[in-house]
Amino acid sequence: MITKIMQILFLSCSKATSIIEKQFHFRLSFIEKLQLSAHKSMCKACTNYEKQSRVLEQTIQQQLKEHDVEVNVTKLKEEIIIKLTNK
């Protein structure tokens, strides 16, 4: 039972970084938020990764706005989901 709880709560750094990137574009589930919070409380590297990723994401969004690049985010998300589910 405890092993199952540990598997649910504790993520590898690889999985944590995937969830970190996901949060910038999609809503996280309660479990994902819990897992990410628990992981970051123990992992300085992933906490730093999230900070750096947030800066990059904000910079990209700012550049898109400054250069009047129109991006249909909804359409891009749909295309990504389709490609991910068709593996």
N, C-alpha and C. Protein backbone atom coordinates (compact mmCIF):
# COMPACT_ATOMS: atom_id res chain seq x y z
N MET A 1 0.82 -1.20 0.00
CA MET A 1 0.00 0.00 0.00
C MET A 1 0.86 1.26 0.00
N ILE A 2 1.88 1.29 0.86
CA ILE A 2 2.75 2.46 0.94
C ILE A 2 3.53 2.62 -0.36
N THR A 3 3.94 1.52 -0.96
CA THR A 3 4.65 1.59 -2.23
C THR A 3 3.78 2.23 -3.30
N LYS A 4 2.52 1.88 -3.33
CA LYS A 4 1.58 2.44 -4.30
C LYS A 4 1.43 3.95 -4.10
N ILE A 5 1.32 4.37 -2.86
CA ILE A 5 1.21 5.80 -2.55
C ILE A 5 2.48 6.53 -2.97
N MET A 6 3.63 5.92 -2.71
CA MET A 6 4.91 6.52 -3.09
C MET A 6 4.99 6.67 -4.61
N GLN A 7 4.53 5.68 -5.36
CA GLN A 7 4.56 5.74 -6.82
C GLN A 7 3.65 6.85 -7.34
N ILE A 8 2.52 7.05 -6.67
CA ILE A 8 1.58 8.09 -7.09
C ILE A 8 2.13 9.47 -6.77
N LEU A 9 2.69 9.65 -5.59
CA LEU A 9 3.14 10.96 -5.15
C LEU A 9 4.48 11.39 -5.72
N PHE A 10 5.42 10.49 -5.82
CA PHE A 10 6.78 10.86 -6.17
C PHE A 10 7.09 10.60 -7.64
N LEU A 11 7.52 11.64 -8.29
CA LEU A 11 7.82 11.59 -9.72
C LEU A 11 9.32 11.52 -9.96
N SER A 12 9.69 11.01 -11.12
CA SER A 12 11.07 11.15 -11.56
C SER A 12 11.24 12.59 -12.06
N CYS A 13 12.46 13.03 -12.17
CA CYS A 13 12.72 14.38 -12.69
C CYS A 13 12.22 14.50 -14.13
N SER A 14 12.32 13.43 -14.89
CA SER A 14 11.85 13.44 -16.28
C SER A 14 10.35 13.70 -16.33
N LYS A 15 9.60 13.00 -15.52
CA LYS A 15 8.15 13.19 -15.48
C LYS A 15 7.79 14.57 -14.93
N ALA A 16 8.53 15.02 -13.93
CA ALA A 16 8.28 16.35 -13.35
C ALA A 16 8.49 17.44 -14.39
N THR A 17 9.55 17.35 -15.18
CA THR A 17 9.79 18.38 -16.20
C THR A 17 8.71 18.35 -17.28
N SER A 18 8.18 17.18 -17.57
CA SER A 18 7.08 17.09 -18.53
C SER A 18 5.85 17.81 -18.00
N ILE A 19 5.57 17.62 -16.73
CA ILE A 19 4.41 18.28 -16.12
C ILE A 19 4.65 19.79 -16.02
N ILE A 20 5.89 20.17 -15.73
CA ILE A 20 6.22 21.60 -15.69
C ILE A 20 5.91 22.25 -17.04
N GLU A 21 6.33 21.63 -18.10
CA GLU A 21 6.08 22.18 -19.44
C GLU A 21 4.58 22.15 -19.77
N LYS A 22 3.92 21.11 -19.37
CA LYS A 22 2.49 20.97 -19.63
C LYS A 22 1.69 22.09 -18.99
N GLN A 23 2.08 22.50 -17.78
CA GLN A 23 1.31 23.51 -17.04
C GLN A 23 1.27 24.86 -17.74
N PHE A 24 2.21 25.14 -18.61
CA PHE A 24 2.21 26.42 -19.31
C PHE A 24 1.16 26.48 -20.41
N HIS A 25 0.65 25.32 -20.81
CA HIS A 25 -0.28 25.29 -21.93
C HIS A 25 -1.61 24.59 -21.64
N PHE A 26 -1.64 23.80 -20.58
CA PHE A 26 -2.84 23.05 -20.24
C PHE A 26 -3.09 23.13 -18.74
N ARG A 27 -4.31 22.88 -18.36
CA ARG A 27 -4.66 22.83 -16.94
C ARG A 27 -4.22 21.48 -16.38
N LEU A 28 -3.54 21.52 -15.24
CA LEU A 28 -3.10 20.28 -14.61
C LEU A 28 -4.21 19.70 -13.74
N SER A 29 -4.22 18.39 -13.65
CA SER A 29 -5.17 17.73 -12.75
C SER A 29 -4.72 17.94 -11.30
N PHE A 30 -5.61 17.67 -10.38
CA PHE A 30 -5.27 17.79 -8.96
C PHE A 30 -4.08 16.91 -8.62
N ILE A 31 -4.08 15.69 -9.12
CA ILE A 31 -2.99 14.74 -8.84
C ILE A 31 -1.67 15.27 -9.40
N GLU A 32 -1.68 15.79 -10.62
CA GLU A 32 -0.46 16.33 -11.21
C GLU A 32 0.08 17.50 -10.38
N LYS A 33 -0.82 18.37 -9.93
CA LYS A 33 -0.40 19.49 -9.09
C LYS A 33 0.23 18.99 -7.80
N LEU A 34 -0.40 18.00 -7.20
CA LEU A 34 0.10 17.42 -5.95
C LEU A 34 1.47 16.77 -6.17
N GLN A 35 1.57 15.98 -7.23
CA GLN A 35 2.83 15.30 -7.54
C GLN A 35 3.95 16.32 -7.79
N LEU A 36 3.65 17.34 -8.57
CA LEU A 36 4.67 18.33 -8.90
C LEU A 36 5.10 19.10 -7.66
N SER A 37 4.15 19.46 -6.84
CA SER A 37 4.46 20.17 -5.60
C SER A 37 5.35 19.32 -4.69
N ALA A 38 5.00 18.06 -4.54
CA ALA A 38 5.80 17.16 -3.69
C ALA A 38 7.21 17.00 -4.26
N HIS A 39 7.30 16.84 -5.57
CA HIS A 39 8.61 16.66 -6.20
C HIS A 39 9.48 17.91 -6.03
N LYS A 40 8.89 19.08 -6.30
CA LYS A 40 9.67 20.32 -6.20
C LYS A 40 10.09 20.62 -4.77
N SER A 41 9.33 20.14 -3.79
CA SER A 41 9.71 20.37 -2.40
C SER A 41 11.00 19.63 -2.04
N MET A 42 11.34 18.62 -2.83
CA MET A 42 12.54 17.83 -2.57
C MET A 42 13.63 18.01 -3.62
N CYS A 43 13.30 18.65 -4.75
CA CYS A 43 14.23 18.68 -5.88
C CYS A 43 14.51 20.12 -6.31
N LYS A 44 15.65 20.61 -5.94
CA LYS A 44 16.06 21.98 -6.28
C LYS A 44 16.25 22.12 -7.80
N ALA A 45 16.73 21.08 -8.44
CA ALA A 45 16.98 21.14 -9.89
C ALA A 45 15.67 21.38 -10.66
N CYS A 46 14.62 20.68 -10.30
CA CYS A 46 13.35 20.85 -11.00
C CYS A 46 12.69 22.19 -10.65
N THR A 47 12.91 22.65 -9.43
CA THR A 47 12.41 23.98 -9.06
C THR A 47 13.08 25.04 -9.91
N ASN A 48 14.39 24.92 -10.09
CA ASN A 48 15.12 25.85 -10.95
C ASN A 48 14.70 25.72 -12.41
N TYR A 49 14.48 24.48 -12.84
CA TYR A 49 14.02 24.24 -14.21
C TYR A 49 12.70 24.96 -14.47
N GLU A 50 11.79 24.88 -13.50
CA GLU A 50 10.50 25.53 -13.66
C GLU A 50 10.65 27.05 -13.77
N LYS A 51 11.51 27.63 -12.95
CA LYS A 51 11.75 29.08 -13.00
C LYS A 51 12.31 29.47 -14.37
N GLN A 52 13.27 28.71 -14.86
CA GLN A 52 13.88 29.01 -16.15
C GLN A 52 12.87 28.83 -17.29
N SER A 53 12.08 27.79 -17.20
CA SER A 53 11.08 27.54 -18.24
C SER A 53 10.02 28.64 -18.26
N ARG A 54 9.66 29.12 -17.09
CA ARG A 54 8.67 30.20 -16.99
C ARG A 54 9.22 31.47 -17.67
N VAL A 55 10.48 31.78 -17.42
CA VAL A 55 11.11 32.95 -18.05
C VAL A 55 11.13 32.79 -19.56
N LEU A 56 11.49 31.60 -20.03
CA LEU A 56 11.51 31.35 -21.48
C LEU A 56 10.11 31.48 -22.08
N GLU A 57 9.15 30.92 -21.42
CA GLU A 57 7.76 30.97 -21.91
C GLU A 57 7.28 32.42 -21.99
N GLN A 58 7.55 33.19 -20.95
CA GLN A 58 7.14 34.60 -20.94
C GLN A 58 7.85 35.39 -22.03
N THR A 59 9.13 35.10 -22.24
CA THR A 59 9.89 35.79 -23.28
C THR A 59 9.35 35.47 -24.67
N ILE A 60 9.05 34.23 -24.90
CA ILE A 60 8.48 33.83 -26.20
C ILE A 60 7.14 34.51 -26.42
N GLN A 61 6.29 34.50 -25.40
CA GLN A 61 4.97 35.15 -25.54
C GLN A 61 5.12 36.64 -25.80
N GLN A 62 6.06 37.26 -25.11
CA GLN A 62 6.30 38.69 -25.30
C GLN A 62 6.79 38.98 -26.72
N GLN A 63 7.69 38.16 -27.22
CA GLN A 63 8.21 38.35 -28.58
C GLN A 63 7.10 38.17 -29.62
N LEU A 64 6.25 37.20 -29.40
CA LEU A 64 5.14 36.98 -30.33
C LEU A 64 4.24 38.20 -30.37
N LYS A 65 3.95 38.78 -29.22
CA LYS A 65 3.10 39.98 -29.16
C LYS A 65 3.78 41.17 -29.80
N GLU A 66 5.06 41.36 -29.52
CA GLU A 66 5.79 42.51 -30.05
C GLU A 66 5.91 42.47 -31.57
N HIS A 67 5.98 41.29 -32.12
CA HIS A 67 6.15 41.16 -33.56
C HIS A 67 4.84 40.85 -34.28
N ASP A 68 3.74 41.04 -33.56
CA ASP A 68 2.41 40.83 -34.12
C ASP A 68 2.25 39.48 -34.80
N VAL A 69 2.83 38.47 -34.19
CA VAL A 69 2.69 37.12 -34.73
C VAL A 69 1.39 36.56 -34.17
N GLU A 70 0.47 36.26 -35.06
CA GLU A 70 -0.81 35.73 -34.64
C GLU A 70 -0.71 34.21 -34.58
N VAL A 71 -0.92 33.67 -33.42
CA VAL A 71 -0.84 32.23 -33.24
C VAL A 71 -2.18 31.74 -32.72
N ASN A 72 -2.72 30.77 -33.41
CA ASN A 72 -3.96 30.18 -32.98
C ASN A 72 -3.61 29.05 -32.00
N VAL A 73 -3.55 29.40 -30.71
CA VAL A 73 -3.11 28.48 -29.68
C VAL A 73 -4.04 27.27 -29.58
N THR A 74 -5.32 27.50 -29.69
CA THR A 74 -6.27 26.40 -29.59
C THR A 74 -6.03 25.37 -30.68
N LYS A 75 -5.82 25.84 -31.89
CA LYS A 75 -5.56 24.93 -33.01
C LYS A 75 -4.25 24.19 -32.80
N LEU A 76 -3.21 24.88 -32.32
CA LEU A 76 -1.94 24.22 -32.06
C LEU A 76 -2.08 23.14 -30.99
N LYS A 77 -2.83 23.44 -29.93
CA LYS A 77 -3.05 22.45 -28.87
C LYS A 77 -3.75 21.21 -29.42
N GLU A 78 -4.76 21.44 -30.25
CA GLU A 78 -5.48 20.31 -30.83
C GLU A 78 -4.56 19.45 -31.69
N GLU A 79 -3.71 20.09 -32.49
CA GLU A 79 -2.78 19.36 -33.34
C GLU A 79 -1.78 18.55 -32.50
N ILE A 80 -1.31 19.15 -31.42
CA ILE A 80 -0.37 18.45 -30.53
C ILE A 80 -1.04 17.24 -29.90
N ILE A 81 -2.25 17.42 -29.42
CA ILE A 81 -2.98 16.31 -28.80
C ILE A 81 -3.19 15.18 -29.80
N ILE A 82 -3.57 15.51 -31.03
CA ILE A 82 -3.78 14.51 -32.06
C ILE A 82 -2.48 13.75 -32.32
N LYS A 83 -1.37 14.46 -32.44
CA LYS A 83 -0.08 13.80 -32.70
C LYS A 83 0.36 12.94 -31.53
N LEU A 84 0.10 13.40 -30.31
CA LEU A 84 0.50 12.64 -29.14
C LEU A 84 -0.33 11.36 -28.97
N THR A 85 -1.61 11.43 -29.33
CA THR A 85 -2.48 10.29 -29.15
C THR A 85 -2.38 9.29 -30.31
N ASN A 86 -1.75 9.68 -31.39
CA ASN A 86 -1.61 8.78 -32.53
C ASN A 86 -0.25 8.09 -32.59
N LYS A 87 0.42 7.99 -31.47
CA LYS A 87 1.75 7.33 -31.45
C LYS A 87 1.64 5.88 -31.74
